[in-house]
Protein backbone atom coordinates (compact mmCIF):
# COMPACT_ATOMS: atom_id res chain seq x y z
CA UNK A 1 104.92 56.07 68.47
CA UNK A 2 102.35 58.92 68.19
CA UNK A 3 105.24 61.69 69.04
CA UNK A 4 107.37 61.01 66.60
CA UNK A 5 104.75 60.55 63.71
CA UNK A 6 103.32 64.61 65.33
CA UNK A 7 107.30 65.47 65.44
CA UNK A 8 107.26 64.32 61.66
CA UNK A 9 104.35 66.09 60.28
CA UNK A 10 105.36 69.39 62.72
CA UNK A 11 108.81 69.32 61.00
CA UNK A 12 106.85 68.83 57.27
CA UNK A 13 105.08 71.48 57.66
CA UNK A 14 107.67 74.43 59.23
CA UNK A 15 110.62 73.37 56.72
CA UNK A 16 109.78 73.96 53.24
CA UNK A 17 108.24 77.60 54.61
CA UNK A 18 112.24 78.18 56.27
CA UNK A 19 113.73 78.06 52.27
CA UNK A 20 115.27 80.86 51.21
CA UNK A 21 114.71 82.85 48.27
CA UNK A 22 118.21 82.83 46.14
CA UNK A 23 116.77 84.31 43.42
CA UNK A 24 117.61 88.37 42.61
CA UNK A 25 115.16 90.79 42.39
CA UNK A 26 115.53 92.82 39.19
CA UNK A 27 112.94 95.98 40.26
CA UNK A 28 111.76 97.30 43.35
CA UNK A 29 111.73 100.40 45.61
CA UNK A 30 113.88 101.20 48.72
CA UNK A 31 115.20 102.99 51.59
CA UNK A 32 119.20 103.32 52.11
CA UNK A 33 120.79 106.05 54.78
CA UNK A 34 124.35 106.76 56.44
CA UNK A 35 123.65 105.29 59.81
CA UNK A 36 126.88 103.21 61.00
CA UNK A 37 126.74 100.14 63.06
CA UNK A 38 129.29 98.35 64.92
CA UNK A 39 131.57 99.12 67.09
CA UNK A 40 135.02 99.14 65.33
CA UNK A 41 134.82 98.52 62.37
CA UNK A 42 131.90 100.60 61.49
CA UNK A 43 129.18 99.79 58.68
CA UNK A 44 126.45 100.95 56.47
CA UNK A 45 123.46 99.13 54.83
CA UNK A 46 123.75 99.61 51.51
CA UNK A 47 121.80 98.52 48.49
CA UNK A 48 123.02 95.79 46.54
CA UNK A 49 122.04 96.00 42.72
CA UNK A 50 122.80 92.65 41.16
CA UNK A 51 120.51 91.38 44.85
CA UNK A 52 117.85 93.73 45.05
CA UNK A 53 118.21 93.77 48.80
CA UNK A 54 119.94 95.55 51.46
CA UNK A 55 122.76 94.70 52.07
CA UNK A 56 126.48 95.61 54.83
CA UNK A 57 129.21 97.75 53.39
CA UNK A 58 131.35 96.03 55.86
CA UNK A 59 134.05 94.97 53.78
CA UNK A 60 133.39 96.92 50.82
CA UNK A 61 130.70 94.39 48.89
CA UNK A 62 131.13 95.38 44.48
CA UNK A 63 128.53 97.51 43.40
CA UNK A 64 126.15 97.97 46.55
CA UNK A 65 125.74 101.95 46.62
CA UNK A 66 124.98 103.91 49.86
CA UNK A 67 124.09 107.41 50.06
CA UNK A 68 126.68 109.74 52.10
CA UNK A 69 126.52 113.04 53.07
CA UNK A 70 128.82 115.96 52.46
CA UNK A 71 128.87 118.38 55.80
CA UNK A 72 130.34 120.86 56.98
CA UNK A 73 132.68 121.34 59.98
CA UNK A 74 129.55 122.16 62.04
CA UNK A 75 127.69 119.76 60.34
CA UNK A 76 125.10 121.03 58.23
CA UNK A 77 125.31 118.79 55.47
CA UNK A 78 125.78 120.59 51.90
CA UNK A 79 124.54 117.74 49.73
CA UNK A 80 124.08 114.27 49.26
CA UNK A 81 125.75 111.89 47.15
CA UNK A 82 125.87 108.14 46.05
CA UNK A 83 128.73 105.88 46.47
CA UNK A 84 130.21 102.58 45.65
CA UNK A 85 133.23 99.92 45.57
CA UNK A 86 133.79 99.04 42.29
CA UNK A 87 136.10 98.71 39.70
CA UNK A 88 134.39 101.12 37.56
CA UNK A 89 133.59 105.05 37.38
CA UNK A 90 129.83 103.94 37.90
CA UNK A 91 127.00 106.59 38.04
CA UNK A 92 125.92 109.10 35.60
CA UNK A 93 123.04 111.51 36.29
CA UNK A 94 120.66 110.82 33.19
CA UNK A 95 118.04 113.84 34.31
CA UNK A 96 116.77 116.12 36.51
CA UNK A 97 113.42 116.89 36.58
CA UNK A 98 110.54 119.53 37.70
CA UNK A 99 108.19 117.40 39.56
CA UNK A 100 107.81 113.70 40.48
CA UNK A 101 104.89 113.05 37.46
CA UNK A 102 107.46 113.90 34.73
CA UNK A 103 110.02 112.26 36.68
CA UNK A 104 107.92 108.77 36.66
CA UNK A 105 107.16 108.89 32.73
CA UNK A 106 111.29 109.63 32.20
CA UNK A 107 111.53 106.49 33.77
CA UNK A 108 108.95 104.74 32.25
CA UNK A 109 110.71 105.76 29.26
CA UNK A 110 113.54 104.62 29.76
CA UNK A 111 114.15 101.79 27.96
CA UNK A 112 118.04 102.56 25.96
CA UNK A 113 120.56 104.61 26.55
CA UNK A 114 124.82 105.02 24.84
CA UNK A 115 127.18 104.74 26.49
CA UNK A 116 127.12 108.20 28.70
CA UNK A 117 130.99 109.70 30.19
CA UNK A 118 130.59 107.68 34.06
CA UNK A 119 131.85 109.65 37.12
CA UNK A 120 132.64 107.83 40.22
CA UNK A 121 130.31 109.08 42.54
CA UNK A 122 126.95 110.45 42.07
CA UNK A 123 127.09 113.80 42.87
CA UNK A 124 124.01 115.96 44.56
CA UNK A 125 121.08 113.39 44.79
CA UNK A 126 118.05 115.13 44.85
CA UNK A 127 114.01 114.21 44.40
CA UNK A 128 113.18 113.53 40.24
CA UNK A 129 116.27 112.74 39.13
CA UNK A 130 116.99 109.54 37.10
CA UNK A 131 120.29 107.83 37.24
CA UNK A 132 121.90 104.82 35.76
CA UNK A 133 123.78 102.90 37.17
CA UNK A 134 126.50 100.27 36.12
CA UNK A 135 128.18 97.62 37.59
CA UNK A 136 131.32 95.90 38.02
CA UNK A 137 130.51 93.70 35.44
CA UNK A 138 129.33 95.87 32.92
CA UNK A 139 125.55 95.71 33.92
CA UNK A 140 123.48 98.76 33.85
CA UNK A 141 120.38 99.73 36.60
CA UNK A 142 117.98 102.76 36.05
CA UNK A 143 117.37 104.11 39.22
CA UNK A 144 114.73 107.09 39.88
CA UNK A 145 114.99 109.52 43.54
CA UNK A 146 111.59 109.86 44.73
CA UNK A 147 113.02 111.32 48.35
CA UNK A 148 115.91 111.79 49.99
CA UNK A 149 116.93 113.20 53.47
CA UNK A 150 119.29 115.52 54.28
CA UNK A 151 119.78 116.74 58.01
CA UNK A 152 122.03 117.89 60.93
CA UNK A 153 121.47 114.74 63.85
CA UNK A 154 124.28 114.32 65.63
CA UNK A 155 125.53 113.35 62.67
CA UNK A 156 125.12 114.36 59.41
CA UNK A 157 122.15 112.05 58.08
CA UNK A 158 121.05 111.15 54.56
CA UNK A 159 118.57 109.30 53.48
CA UNK A 160 117.22 108.09 49.99
CA UNK A 161 114.23 106.41 49.02
CA UNK A 162 114.30 105.10 45.05
CA UNK A 163 112.75 102.85 42.37
CA UNK A 164 115.39 101.67 40.65
CA UNK A 165 115.27 98.49 37.79
CA UNK A 166 118.16 95.75 37.40
CA UNK A 167 119.45 94.71 33.82
CA UNK A 168 121.16 91.94 34.41
CA UNK A 169 122.13 90.62 30.66
CA UNK A 170 124.32 93.31 30.25
CA UNK A 171 122.74 95.18 27.26
CA UNK A 172 122.06 98.84 27.75
CA UNK A 173 118.09 98.04 27.06
CA UNK A 174 115.70 98.12 30.26
CA UNK A 175 112.28 96.06 29.65
CA UNK A 176 109.81 98.54 28.86
CA UNK A 177 105.80 99.10 31.02
């Protein structure tokens, strides 16, 4: 009988800690890269704008930002770019800034924007840029690129660290900081 009570006490202590947080994150900082996993089909981990988490790109999920490398025949990286599987052209480079302090200030000041000329991929991603992203359901995120890595390894390698804010309500207005 004591064992049953002990088992119940132990389970009651651990079960509440096992709950999964299903609430989407609306802002944060993340690093994504173009490393492929699996043995076929291959997949990478991209950033899901709508959940605020890294997710597999297997089966082309909507609204997941991936970082890609454009390389020459010798695997020298010429540029890196954002890509996504979406029903819309999804990217717009809002600005390129000379240093991180200026980019941070511009990112914090970006509270609204008019409808820009969206493009399919985020071309030539570099540090101190601000990008706008449009989801397949016309919801928006702003992205401040903090750091990029583009180098020749066994394969062309791309990595991007960025800060983001997601506006799940569908308006083109972000909360001010």
